[in-house]
């Protein structure tokens, strides 16, 4: 029974149909998203983790401010989706509609501009803004999403909700060039996101060890320079796994990836 529950949890946790890439998919079950989305929407643990991460972000920002040489103005770089805005209703829609990710439906959700601020996000960004730290939001939303994204951030109350501080995706999903553009004029004291690739380009390539080695080698940066938010619904970790997974169905691929005893 324990083995069944563990397998069920991990299968539901991941979804190759919600990775924010690709076009319209045919109707199919998205039950693999149920438990991860419910955890994100309904668990007190999720809220606690977000409060914990943003409290840690405030402490780290204060420490980094005190230590840096002030040769350039200070800045914080944040991701948007599942970092400061909650898009889990989109995953909920996928389950109800039995649809995988599609660009068209994602754009429809973005255009509604009603994603809610995640716990602790407003408090942290307002604090950083109040002490003169510049905020830059680097997101892989498309350029056509700029208007509704600004509207959503502004309505939610986030500071610096304007085209100067939003850097959306251009020709590539890599955020390296956009981070570098901020770094030319500002000292970036903190990176905040739900995906390791939000922190540095070295995390874009997971490798055979799933990126564990790189994380272990830089463990002291987590909580001091990098703040990682929990997102069990989708991400680069899953994209890389699914590229090599064997199986005829999503469920079969996910189950084969699991380690047992």
Foldseek 3Di string as FASTA:
>chain_A
DVVVVVLLLLQLLEDPLEAPDDAWDDFAASNSVPVLLCCCVPPPVQQVQLQVLLVLVQVLVVVLVVPDPPPFAEAAEEEPDLFFFDPSVLVVVCNVRRIGDHPVSVLVSLQVLATATGRNNQVNQVVCVVVPHHYAYEYQDDPVSLVSPLVSCVVNPGPPSDPVRYHYDDPDSQCAVVVVVCVVRHDYFAFEEQAVSSQDVVQLDLPPVRVPVVCVVPVVCDSNHYRHRHRSYYYSSVVVQVVPFDDDDSSNRSSVPDDDD
